[in-house]
Amino acid sequence: MIKASRPKSGELKSRWTVTIIGIPTVLGLLYSGGWVLGVPVALAAWIGATETYRLGEQSGIKPFRLLGGTAAAALTLLAVRFPTFTGLAPWAVVIFLGLFVTSAFSAMMWRWPKGEPLSAVSHTLFGAMYAGFPLACIPLLHAAPEVYGWGPLMADPWGGLAMVALPLACTWIGDSAAFFAGIKWGRSKILPKISPKKSWVGSWTALVAAAAAGMLWYLLAQPYLPGLPIRGLATAAGVGVLLGAGAQIGDFFESLLKREAGVKDSGTIFGGHGGMLDRLDALTVTLPLAYALVLVLERWA
């Protein structure tokens, strides 16, 4: 997220390629909503969980990939079917209880005594939660305007798109600003043992850029969401700052996982641009945080 050294031309080309192809694709899925959105997001959750398990395997842990990946994808699909927190929560309990029971039974049968069953079960549960829960918040955010009456009387696909765009914009704009600020001015490192290229200059720049992204988002989204509980530019900026801080925590944590595993990228699905987790790192925090913030503001409104 926050690079202190000048990037190679190939790295910048890769970033622009992903941006040019990825952003229109994401916007098209968000505009469509429903199962058109939910199925690709569930696939991303399955891939993300699988990559998490692959990182664990680098450290000698042997999680149950199929069980955990299926649970992560199922949680996301159920969020499309039950697009509220109270509607999804009972199903989430069923999924993770079922995952625990099946992985615990599998550990007793096939991981004992030499297979470290505790690590296998723990990592299986972690991977499903780490990849599945944040992505399940995409359908929840997308449905929020209709569920809570923030949009016009008639369902408007732009309202759902706008809600998911909040964490995406604050994350990506903050990330890009930090990237270039870190190149030019970044000297002092934050946590060099975890991510040696991330600087304090980049970090503060990311927060300022995320606040600006929050305000810009508010100006663009408010006409489509007249009942939105985020009211005023100051509140939007505050939400942006919180999301910007959450993005950095998510980024650092994914770097920590890769550092422990001794790998540069979580996977190769995007070629030289890394794996699914490399694209979701900051979003693992900002997606659920955005959903929590708008629900809290709805209670206070």
C-alpha atoms as a PDB file:
ATOM      1  CA  MET A   1       0.000   0.000   0.000  1.00  0.00           C
ATOM      2  CA  ILE A   2       2.735   2.494   0.962  1.00  0.00           C
ATOM      3  CA  LYS A   3       5.889   2.099  -1.072  1.00  0.00           C
ATOM      4  CA  ALA A   4       9.060   3.916  -0.184  1.00  0.00           C
ATOM      5  CA  SER A   5      11.104   2.970  -3.248  1.00  0.00           C
ATOM      6  CA  ARG A   6      10.419   3.969  -6.832  1.00  0.00           C
ATOM      7  CA  PRO A   7       8.402   1.277  -8.567  1.00  0.00           C
ATOM      8  CA  LYS A   8       9.550  -0.459 -11.708  1.00  0.00           C
ATOM      9  CA  SER A   9       7.715   0.357 -14.931  1.00  0.00           C
ATOM     10  CA  GLY A  10       6.317  -3.194 -14.997  1.00  0.00           C
ATOM     11  CA  GLU A  11       4.784  -2.731 -11.543  1.00  0.00           C
ATOM     12  CA  LEU A  12       3.043   0.485 -12.566  1.00  0.00           C
ATOM     13  CA  LYS A  13       1.861  -1.134 -15.810  1.00  0.00           C
ATOM     14  CA  SER A  14       0.422  -4.028 -13.810  1.00  0.00           C
ATOM     15  CA  ARG A  15      -1.403  -1.628 -11.487  1.00  0.00           C
ATOM     16  CA  TRP A  16      -2.914   0.284 -14.410  1.00  0.00           C
ATOM     17  CA  THR A  17      -3.937  -2.934 -16.169  1.00  0.00           C
ATOM     18  CA  VAL A  18      -5.766  -4.208 -13.098  1.00  0.00           C
ATOM     19  CA  THR A  19      -7.374  -0.785 -12.638  1.00  0.00           C
ATOM     20  CA  ILE A  20      -8.547  -0.436 -16.249  1.00  0.00           C
ATOM     21  CA  ILE A  21     -10.012  -3.936 -16.358  1.00  0.00           C
ATOM     22  CA  GLY A  22     -11.040  -4.364 -12.740  1.00  0.00           C
ATOM     23  CA  ILE A  23     -12.951  -1.156 -11.994  1.00  0.00           C
ATOM     24  CA  PRO A  24     -15.477  -1.417 -14.886  1.00  0.00           C
ATOM     25  CA  THR A  25     -16.012  -5.092 -14.058  1.00  0.00           C
ATOM     26  CA  VAL A  26     -16.644  -4.334 -10.388  1.00  0.00           C
ATOM     27  CA  LEU A  27     -18.995  -1.458 -11.236  1.00  0.00           C
ATOM     28  CA  GLY A  28     -20.952  -3.650 -13.647  1.00  0.00           C
ATOM     29  CA  LEU A  29     -21.423  -6.362 -11.024  1.00  0.00           C
ATOM     30  CA  LEU A  30     -22.431  -3.826  -8.366  1.00  0.00           C
ATOM     31  CA  TYR A  31     -24.970  -2.224 -10.698  1.00  0.00           C
ATOM     32  CA  SER A  32     -26.504  -5.641 -11.441  1.00  0.00           C
ATOM     33  CA  GLY A  33     -26.651  -6.753  -7.793  1.00  0.00           C
ATOM     34  CA  GLY A  34     -28.438  -9.912  -6.647  1.00  0.00           C
ATOM     35  CA  TRP A  35     -27.063 -13.272  -7.696  1.00  0.00           C
ATOM     36  CA  VAL A  36     -25.137 -11.699 -10.575  1.00  0.00           C
ATOM     37  CA  LEU A  37     -23.065  -9.981  -7.914  1.00  0.00           C
ATOM     38  CA  GLY A  38     -23.270 -12.701  -5.278  1.00  0.00           C
ATOM     39  CA  VAL A  39     -21.888 -15.624  -7.285  1.00  0.00           C
ATOM     40  CA  PRO A  40     -18.603 -13.935  -8.320  1.00  0.00           C
ATOM     41  CA  VAL A  41     -18.170 -12.596  -4.786  1.00  0.00           C
ATOM     42  CA  ALA A  42     -18.702 -16.114  -3.404  1.00  0.00           C
ATOM     43  CA  LEU A  43     -16.064 -17.404  -5.829  1.00  0.00           C
ATOM     44  CA  ALA A  44     -13.688 -14.687  -4.597  1.00  0.00           C
ATOM     45  CA  ALA A  45     -14.378 -15.791  -1.005  1.00  0.00           C
ATOM     46  CA  TRP A  46     -13.588 -19.405  -1.886  1.00  0.00           C
ATOM     47  CA  ILE A  47     -10.335 -18.406  -3.590  1.00  0.00           C
ATOM     48  CA  GLY A  48      -9.401 -16.109  -0.705  1.00  0.00           C
ATOM     49  CA  ALA A  49      -9.967 -18.874   1.843  1.00  0.00           C
ATOM     50  CA  THR A  50      -7.936 -21.303  -0.258  1.00  0.00           C
ATOM     51  CA  GLU A  51      -5.056 -18.826  -0.421  1.00  0.00           C
ATOM     52  CA  THR A  52      -5.229 -18.379   3.339  1.00  0.00           C
ATOM     53  CA  TYR A  53      -4.910 -22.119   3.776  1.00  0.00           C
ATOM     54  CA  ARG A  54      -2.006 -22.203   1.352  1.00  0.00           C
ATOM     55  CA  LEU A  55      -0.192 -19.623   3.474  1.00  0.00           C
ATOM     56  CA  GLY A  56      -0.754 -21.789   6.547  1.00  0.00           C
ATOM     57  CA  GLU A  57       0.596 -24.824   4.746  1.00  0.00           C
ATOM     58  CA  GLN A  58       3.869 -22.965   4.210  1.00  0.00           C
ATOM     59  CA  SER A  59       4.243 -23.026   8.009  1.00  0.00           C
ATOM     60  CA  GLY A  60       3.408 -26.720   8.291  1.00  0.00           C
ATOM     61  CA  ILE A  61      -0.310 -26.339   9.107  1.00  0.00           C
ATOM     62  CA  LYS A  62      -2.681 -28.647   7.254  1.00  0.00           C
ATOM     63  CA  PRO A  63      -6.164 -27.087   7.245  1.00  0.00           C
ATOM     64  CA  PHE A  64      -9.194 -28.595   5.541  1.00  0.00           C
ATOM     65  CA  ARG A  65      -9.315 -26.548   2.365  1.00  0.00           C
ATOM     66  CA  LEU A  66     -12.527 -27.894   0.858  1.00  0.00           C
ATOM     67  CA  LEU A  67     -14.519 -27.503   4.077  1.00  0.00           C
ATOM     68  CA  GLY A  68     -13.303 -23.972   4.771  1.00  0.00           C
ATOM     69  CA  GLY A  69     -13.589 -22.720   1.208  1.00  0.00           C
ATOM     70  CA  THR A  70     -17.135 -24.059   0.945  1.00  0.00           C
ATOM     71  CA  ALA A  71     -18.106 -22.354   4.203  1.00  0.00           C
ATOM     72  CA  ALA A  72     -16.681 -19.003   3.053  1.00  0.00           C
ATOM     73  CA  ALA A  73     -18.562 -19.176  -0.258  1.00  0.00           C
ATOM     74  CA  ALA A  74     -21.791 -20.336   1.414  1.00  0.00           C
ATOM     75  CA  LEU A  75     -21.727 -17.426   3.861  1.00  0.00           C
ATOM     76  CA  THR A  76     -21.507 -14.972   0.975  1.00  0.00           C
ATOM     77  CA  LEU A  77     -24.331 -16.621  -0.966  1.00  0.00           C
ATOM     78  CA  LEU A  78     -26.552 -16.655   2.106  1.00  0.00           C
ATOM     79  CA  ALA A  79     -25.923 -12.907   2.482  1.00  0.00           C
ATOM     80  CA  VAL A  80     -27.560 -12.480  -0.923  1.00  0.00           C
ATOM     81  CA  ARG A  81     -30.562 -14.523   0.193  1.00  0.00           C
ATOM     82  CA  PHE A  82     -30.815 -12.917   3.664  1.00  0.00           C
ATOM     83  CA  PRO A  83     -29.380  -9.404   3.159  1.00  0.00           C
ATOM     84  CA  THR A  84     -29.635  -8.085   6.735  1.00  0.00           C
ATOM     85  CA  PHE A  85     -27.448  -8.639   9.777  1.00  0.00           C
ATOM     86  CA  THR A  86     -30.283 -10.214  11.762  1.00  0.00           C
ATOM     87  CA  GLY A  87     -31.298 -12.353   8.800  1.00  0.00           C
ATOM     88  CA  LEU A  88     -27.785 -13.613   8.105  1.00  0.00           C
ATOM     89  CA  ALA A  89     -26.614 -14.094  11.702  1.00  0.00           C
ATOM     90  CA  PRO A  90     -28.463 -17.384  12.440  1.00  0.00           C
ATOM     91  CA  TRP A  91     -27.199 -18.890   9.194  1.00  0.00           C
ATOM     92  CA  ALA A  92     -23.674 -17.730   9.952  1.00  0.00           C
ATOM     93  CA  VAL A  93     -23.862 -19.534  13.290  1.00  0.00           C
ATOM     94  CA  VAL A  94     -25.046 -22.694  11.529  1.00  0.00           C
ATOM     95  CA  ILE A  95     -22.242 -22.467   8.955  1.00  0.00           C
ATOM     96  CA  PHE A  96     -19.426 -21.960  11.415  1.00  0.00           C
ATOM     97  CA  LEU A  97     -20.796 -24.446  13.928  1.00  0.00           C
ATOM     98  CA  GLY A  98     -21.060 -26.970  11.126  1.00  0.00           C
ATOM     99  CA  LEU A  99     -17.538 -26.116   9.963  1.00  0.00           C
ATOM    100  CA  PHE A 100     -16.206 -26.597  13.475  1.00  0.00           C
ATOM    101  CA  VAL A 101     -17.935 -29.950  13.942  1.00  0.00           C
ATOM    102  CA  THR A 102     -16.875 -31.327  10.563  1.00  0.00           C
ATOM    103  CA  SER A 103     -13.290 -30.080  10.801  1.00  0.00           C
ATOM    104  CA  ALA A 104     -12.979 -31.310  14.412  1.00  0.00           C
ATOM    105  CA  PHE A 105     -14.259 -34.752  13.401  1.00  0.00           C
ATOM    106  CA  SER A 106     -11.903 -34.783  10.418  1.00  0.00           C
ATOM    107  CA  ALA A 107      -8.990 -33.768  12.654  1.00  0.00           C
ATOM    108  CA  MET A 108      -9.723 -36.607  15.073  1.00  0.00           C
ATOM    109  CA  MET A 109      -9.920 -39.079  12.243  1.00  0.00           C
ATOM    110  CA  TRP A 110      -7.039 -37.964  10.007  1.00  0.00           C
ATOM    111  CA  ARG A 111      -4.804 -35.471  11.828  1.00  0.00           C
ATOM    112  CA  TRP A 112      -4.125 -37.250  15.121  1.00  0.00           C
ATOM    113  CA  PRO A 113      -1.531 -37.897  16.477  1.00  0.00           C
ATOM    114  CA  LYS A 114       1.046 -36.349  14.101  1.00  0.00           C
ATOM    115  CA  GLY A 115      -1.043 -33.889  12.124  1.00  0.00           C
ATOM    116  CA  GLU A 116      -1.463 -31.072  14.706  1.00  0.00           C
ATOM    117  CA  PRO A 117      -5.268 -31.257  14.861  1.00  0.00           C
ATOM    118  CA  LEU A 118      -5.682 -28.062  16.906  1.00  0.00           C
ATOM    119  CA  SER A 119      -3.800 -26.007  14.313  1.00  0.00           C
ATOM    120  CA  ALA A 120      -5.716 -27.676  11.479  1.00  0.00           C
ATOM    121  CA  VAL A 121      -9.143 -26.880  12.962  1.00  0.00           C
ATOM    122  CA  SER A 122      -8.188 -23.358  14.077  1.00  0.00           C
ATOM    123  CA  HIS A 123      -6.775 -22.414  10.689  1.00  0.00           C
ATOM    124  CA  THR A 124      -9.756 -23.893   8.876  1.00  0.00           C
ATOM    125  CA  LEU A 125     -12.127 -21.718  10.908  1.00  0.00           C
ATOM    126  CA  PHE A 126      -9.883 -18.669  10.552  1.00  0.00           C
ATOM    127  CA  GLY A 127      -9.599 -18.921   6.766  1.00  0.00           C
ATOM    128  CA  ALA A 128     -13.357 -19.181   6.280  1.00  0.00           C
ATOM    129  CA  MET A 129     -13.969 -16.190   8.546  1.00  0.00           C
ATOM    130  CA  TYR A 130     -11.093 -14.110   7.154  1.00  0.00           C
ATOM    131  CA  ALA A 131     -12.212 -14.460   3.536  1.00  0.00           C
ATOM    132  CA  GLY A 132     -15.936 -15.127   3.909  1.00  0.00           C
ATOM    133  CA  PHE A 133     -17.168 -12.580   6.436  1.00  0.00           C
ATOM    134  CA  PRO A 134     -15.819  -9.390   4.777  1.00  0.00           C
ATOM    135  CA  LEU A 135     -17.090 -10.417   1.349  1.00  0.00           C
ATOM    136  CA  ALA A 136     -20.477 -11.326   2.785  1.00  0.00           C
ATOM    137  CA  CYS A 137     -20.731  -7.655   3.743  1.00  0.00           C
ATOM    138  CA  ILE A 138     -20.856  -6.707   0.051  1.00  0.00           C
ATOM    139  CA  PRO A 139     -24.422  -8.053  -0.455  1.00  0.00           C
ATOM    140  CA  LEU A 140     -25.381  -6.615   2.942  1.00  0.00           C
ATOM    141  CA  LEU A 141     -24.132  -3.144   2.002  1.00  0.00           C
ATOM    142  CA  HIS A 142     -25.683  -3.409  -1.457  1.00  0.00           C
ATOM    143  CA  ALA A 143     -29.112  -4.217  -0.024  1.00  0.00           C
ATOM    144  CA  ALA A 144     -28.974  -1.652   2.811  1.00  0.00           C
ATOM    145  CA  PRO A 145     -30.629   1.275   0.943  1.00  0.00           C
ATOM    146  CA  GLU A 146     -33.666  -0.848   0.095  1.00  0.00           C
ATOM    147  CA  VAL A 147     -33.777  -2.629   3.461  1.00  0.00           C
ATOM    148  CA  TYR A 148     -33.530   0.547   5.564  1.00  0.00           C
ATOM    149  CA  GLY A 149     -35.310   2.933   3.197  1.00  0.00           C
ATOM    150  CA  TRP A 150     -32.343   5.178   2.427  1.00  0.00           C
ATOM    151  CA  GLY A 151     -33.100   5.384  -1.286  1.00  0.00           C
ATOM    152  CA  PRO A 152     -36.120   6.499  -3.310  1.00  0.00           C
ATOM    153  CA  LEU A 153     -39.429   4.668  -3.110  1.00  0.00           C
ATOM    154  CA  MET A 154     -38.640   2.671  -6.246  1.00  0.00           C
ATOM    155  CA  ALA A 155     -35.623   0.367  -6.057  1.00  0.00           C
ATOM    156  CA  ASP A 156     -32.617   2.065  -7.673  1.00  0.00           C
ATOM    157  CA  PRO A 157     -29.544  -0.020  -8.607  1.00  0.00           C
ATOM    158  CA  TRP A 158     -27.358   3.052  -8.175  1.00  0.00           C
ATOM    159  CA  GLY A 159     -28.115   3.148  -4.453  1.00  0.00           C
ATOM    160  CA  GLY A 160     -26.696  -0.316  -3.822  1.00  0.00           C
ATOM    161  CA  LEU A 161     -23.681   0.430  -5.991  1.00  0.00           C
ATOM    162  CA  ALA A 162     -23.081   3.653  -4.085  1.00  0.00           C
ATOM    163  CA  MET A 163     -23.118   1.921  -0.694  1.00  0.00           C
ATOM    164  CA  VAL A 164     -20.472  -0.619  -1.666  1.00  0.00           C
ATOM    165  CA  ALA A 165     -18.486   2.146  -3.357  1.00  0.00           C
ATOM    166  CA  LEU A 166     -17.964   3.840   0.035  1.00  0.00           C
ATOM    167  CA  PRO A 167     -15.387   1.374   1.434  1.00  0.00           C
ATOM    168  CA  LEU A 168     -13.983   0.725  -2.038  1.00  0.00           C
ATOM    169  CA  ALA A 169     -13.359   4.410  -2.730  1.00  0.00           C
ATOM    170  CA  CYS A 170     -11.856   5.179   0.680  1.00  0.00           C
ATOM    171  CA  THR A 171      -9.635   2.106   0.456  1.00  0.00           C
ATOM    172  CA  TRP A 172      -8.435   2.484  -3.124  1.00  0.00           C
ATOM    173  CA  ILE A 173      -8.012   6.266  -3.141  1.00  0.00           C
ATOM    174  CA  GLY A 174      -6.171   6.158   0.178  1.00  0.00           C
ATOM    175  CA  ASP A 175      -4.027   3.290  -1.105  1.00  0.00           C
ATOM    176  CA  SER A 176      -3.099   5.119  -4.319  1.00  0.00           C
ATOM    177  CA  ALA A 177      -2.289   8.383  -2.547  1.00  0.00           C
ATOM    178  CA  ALA A 178      -0.124   6.541  -0.022  1.00  0.00           C
ATOM    179  CA  PHE A 179       1.667   4.656  -2.783  1.00  0.00           C
ATOM    180  CA  PHE A 180       2.861   7.794  -4.555  1.00  0.00           C
ATOM    181  CA  ALA A 181       3.499   9.834  -1.380  1.00  0.00           C
ATOM    182  CA  GLY A 182       5.585   6.984  -0.004  1.00  0.00           C
ATOM    183  CA  ILE A 183       7.655   6.898  -3.200  1.00  0.00           C
ATOM    184  CA  LYS A 184       8.459  10.595  -3.060  1.00  0.00           C
ATOM    185  CA  TRP A 185       8.763  11.366   0.643  1.00  0.00           C
ATOM    186  CA  GLY A 186       8.615   8.120   2.604  1.00  0.00           C
ATOM    187  CA  ARG A 187      11.688   7.590   4.746  1.00  0.00           C
ATOM    188  CA  SER A 188      10.636   6.609   8.267  1.00  0.00           C
ATOM    189  CA  LYS A 189       9.091   3.122   8.348  1.00  0.00           C
ATOM    190  CA  ILE A 190       6.125   2.025  10.445  1.00  0.00           C
ATOM    191  CA  LEU A 191       6.613  -1.715  10.931  1.00  0.00           C
ATOM    192  CA  PRO A 192       9.641  -2.661   8.833  1.00  0.00           C
ATOM    193  CA  LYS A 193       9.744  -6.232  10.140  1.00  0.00           C
ATOM    194  CA  ILE A 194       6.251  -6.827   8.753  1.00  0.00           C
ATOM    195  CA  SER A 195       6.157  -4.587   5.681  1.00  0.00           C
ATOM    196  CA  PRO A 196       9.477  -2.826   5.110  1.00  0.00           C
ATOM    197  CA  LYS A 197       8.268  -0.400   2.434  1.00  0.00           C
ATOM    198  CA  LYS A 198       5.410   1.211   4.343  1.00  0.00           C
ATOM    199  CA  SER A 199       6.179   4.683   5.680  1.00  0.00           C
ATOM    200  CA  TRP A 200       4.629   7.140   8.112  1.00  0.00           C
ATOM    201  CA  VAL A 201       4.302   9.730   5.344  1.00  0.00           C
ATOM    202  CA  GLY A 202       2.324   7.265   3.268  1.00  0.00           C
ATOM    203  CA  SER A 203       0.164   6.357   6.248  1.00  0.00           C
ATOM    204  CA  TRP A 204      -0.847   9.940   7.050  1.00  0.00           C
ATOM    205  CA  THR A 205      -1.377  10.681   3.362  1.00  0.00           C
ATOM    206  CA  ALA A 206      -3.691   7.681   3.154  1.00  0.00           C
ATOM    207  CA  LEU A 207      -5.835   9.012   6.012  1.00  0.00           C
ATOM    208  CA  VAL A 208      -6.139  12.454   4.420  1.00  0.00           C
ATOM    209  CA  ALA A 209      -6.956  10.943   1.032  1.00  0.00           C
ATOM    210  CA  ALA A 210      -9.517   8.585   2.591  1.00  0.00           C
ATOM    211  CA  ALA A 211     -11.213  11.544   4.303  1.00  0.00           C
ATOM    212  CA  ALA A 212     -11.334  13.385   0.974  1.00  0.00           C
ATOM    213  CA  ALA A 213     -12.692  10.228  -0.683  1.00  0.00           C
ATOM    214  CA  GLY A 214     -15.423  10.029   1.953  1.00  0.00           C
ATOM    215  CA  MET A 215     -16.487  13.617   1.270  1.00  0.00           C
ATOM    216  CA  LEU A 216     -16.395  13.143  -2.505  1.00  0.00           C
ATOM    217  CA  TRP A 217     -18.396   9.954  -2.137  1.00  0.00           C
ATOM    218  CA  TYR A 218     -21.001  11.780  -0.055  1.00  0.00           C
ATOM    219  CA  LEU A 219     -21.445  14.509  -2.666  1.00  0.00           C
ATOM    220  CA  LEU A 220     -21.912  11.952  -5.441  1.00  0.00           C
ATOM    221  CA  ALA A 221     -24.010   9.407  -3.526  1.00  0.00           C
ATOM    222  CA  GLN A 222     -26.349  11.654  -1.544  1.00  0.00           C
ATOM    223  CA  PRO A 223     -28.739  12.350  -4.466  1.00  0.00           C
ATOM    224  CA  TYR A 224     -29.293   8.590  -4.825  1.00  0.00           C
ATOM    225  CA  LEU A 225     -29.573   8.013  -1.060  1.00  0.00           C
ATOM    226  CA  PRO A 226     -31.715  10.824   0.397  1.00  0.00           C
ATOM    227  CA  GLY A 227     -32.282   8.910   3.638  1.00  0.00           C
ATOM    228  CA  LEU A 228     -28.617   8.068   4.148  1.00  0.00           C
ATOM    229  CA  PRO A 229     -27.608   8.196   7.853  1.00  0.00           C
ATOM    230  CA  ILE A 230     -24.238   9.745   6.893  1.00  0.00           C
ATOM    231  CA  ARG A 231     -25.279  13.380   6.990  1.00  0.00           C
ATOM    232  CA  GLY A 232     -22.908  16.173   6.128  1.00  0.00           C
ATOM    233  CA  LEU A 233     -19.369  16.401   4.833  1.00  0.00           C
ATOM    234  CA  ALA A 234     -17.836  16.306   8.314  1.00  0.00           C
ATOM    235  CA  THR A 235     -19.449  12.948   9.101  1.00  0.00           C
ATOM    236  CA  ALA A 236     -18.436  11.615   5.692  1.00  0.00           C
ATOM    237  CA  ALA A 237     -14.836  12.719   6.294  1.00  0.00           C
ATOM    238  CA  GLY A 238     -14.838  11.030   9.705  1.00  0.00           C
ATOM    239  CA  VAL A 239     -16.118   7.798   8.177  1.00  0.00           C
ATOM    240  CA  GLY A 240     -13.406   8.096   5.544  1.00  0.00           C
ATOM    241  CA  VAL A 241     -10.676   8.469   8.168  1.00  0.00           C
ATOM    242  CA  LEU A 242     -11.895   5.402  10.069  1.00  0.00           C
ATOM    243  CA  LEU A 243     -12.022   3.385   6.866  1.00  0.00           C
ATOM    244  CA  GLY A 244      -8.556   4.635   5.916  1.00  0.00           C
ATOM    245  CA  ALA A 245      -7.175   3.494   9.269  1.00  0.00           C
ATOM    246  CA  GLY A 246      -8.951   0.144   8.951  1.00  0.00           C
ATOM    247  CA  ALA A 247      -7.513  -0.313   5.465  1.00  0.00           C
ATOM    248  CA  GLN A 248      -3.986   0.006   6.809  1.00  0.00           C
ATOM    249  CA  ILE A 249      -4.644  -2.528   9.565  1.00  0.00           C
ATOM    250  CA  GLY A 250      -5.998  -4.991   7.004  1.00  0.00           C
ATOM    251  CA  ASP A 251      -3.025  -4.377   4.740  1.00  0.00           C
ATOM    252  CA  PHE A 252      -0.513  -4.905   7.539  1.00  0.00           C
ATOM    253  CA  PHE A 253      -2.216  -8.074   8.727  1.00  0.00           C
ATOM    254  CA  GLU A 254      -2.167  -9.677   5.292  1.00  0.00           C
ATOM    255  CA  SER A 255       1.515  -8.711   5.032  1.00  0.00           C
ATOM    256  CA  LEU A 256       2.053 -10.419   8.389  1.00  0.00           C
ATOM    257  CA  LEU A 257       0.470 -13.622   7.096  1.00  0.00           C
ATOM    258  CA  LYS A 258       2.712 -13.582   4.036  1.00  0.00           C
ATOM    259  CA  ARG A 259       5.789 -12.755   6.121  1.00  0.00           C
ATOM    260  CA  GLU A 260       5.124 -15.729   8.395  1.00  0.00           C
ATOM    261  CA  ALA A 261       4.630 -17.966   5.369  1.00  0.00           C
ATOM    262  CA  GLY A 262       7.775 -16.615   3.717  1.00  0.00           C
ATOM    263  CA  VAL A 263       6.109 -15.659   0.425  1.00  0.00           C
ATOM    264  CA  LYS A 264       5.829 -12.407  -1.538  1.00  0.00           C
ATOM    265  CA  ASP A 265       2.278 -12.887  -2.819  1.00  0.00           C
ATOM    266  CA  SER A 266      -0.691 -14.836  -1.514  1.00  0.00           C
ATOM    267  CA  GLY A 267      -1.277 -16.432  -4.908  1.00  0.00           C
ATOM    268  CA  THR A 268      -0.887 -16.089  -8.655  1.00  0.00           C
ATOM    269  CA  ILE A 269      -4.457 -15.654  -9.908  1.00  0.00           C
ATOM    270  CA  PHE A 270      -3.643 -12.108 -11.067  1.00  0.00           C
ATOM    271  CA  GLY A 271      -0.307 -13.087 -12.542  1.00  0.00           C
ATOM    272  CA  GLY A 272       2.473 -10.742 -11.457  1.00  0.00           C
ATOM    273  CA  HIS A 273      -0.050  -8.713  -9.470  1.00  0.00           C
ATOM    274  CA  GLY A 274      -0.481 -11.366  -6.789  1.00  0.00           C
ATOM    275  CA  GLY A 275      -3.408 -13.358  -5.501  1.00  0.00           C
ATOM    276  CA  MET A 276      -6.954 -12.697  -4.315  1.00  0.00           C
ATOM    277  CA  LEU A 277      -5.861 -11.822  -0.776  1.00  0.00           C
ATOM    278  CA  ASP A 278      -3.404  -9.289  -2.176  1.00  0.00           C
ATOM    279  CA  ARG A 279      -6.403  -7.466  -3.658  1.00  0.00           C
ATOM    280  CA  LEU A 280      -8.633  -7.962  -0.615  1.00  0.00           C
ATOM    281  CA  ASP A 281      -6.087  -7.216   2.125  1.00  0.00           C
ATOM    282  CA  ALA A 282      -7.403  -3.795   3.189  1.00  0.00           C
ATOM    283  CA  LEU A 283     -11.009  -4.684   2.314  1.00  0.00           C
ATOM    284  CA  THR A 284     -11.056  -7.486   4.896  1.00  0.00           C
ATOM    285  CA  VAL A 285     -11.398  -4.662   7.426  1.00  0.00           C
ATOM    286  CA  THR A 286     -13.040  -1.813   5.514  1.00  0.00           C
ATOM    287  CA  LEU A 287     -16.019  -3.781   4.162  1.00  0.00           C
ATOM    288  CA  PRO A 288     -17.335  -4.972   7.551  1.00  0.00           C
ATOM    289  CA  LEU A 289     -16.298  -1.673   9.172  1.00  0.00           C
ATOM    290  CA  ALA A 290     -18.312   0.330   6.627  1.00  0.00           C
ATOM    291  CA  TYR A 291     -21.364  -1.832   7.241  1.00  0.00           C
ATOM    292  CA  ALA A 292     -20.987  -1.478  11.009  1.00  0.00           C
ATOM    293  CA  LEU A 293     -20.566   2.305  10.780  1.00  0.00           C
ATOM    294  CA  VAL A 294     -23.672   2.894   8.666  1.00  0.00           C
ATOM    295  CA  LEU A 295     -25.746   0.684  10.981  1.00  0.00           C
ATOM    296  CA  VAL A 296     -24.494   2.581  14.046  1.00  0.00           C
ATOM    297  CA  LEU A 297     -25.256   5.910  12.362  1.00  0.00           C
ATOM    298  CA  GLU A 298     -28.700   4.587  11.417  1.00  0.00           C
ATOM    299  CA  ARG A 299     -29.383   3.869  15.089  1.00  0.00           C
ATOM    300  CA  TRP A 300     -28.303   7.387  16.045  1.00  0.00           C
ATOM    301  CA  ALA A 301     -30.120   9.146  13.184  1.00  0.00           C
END
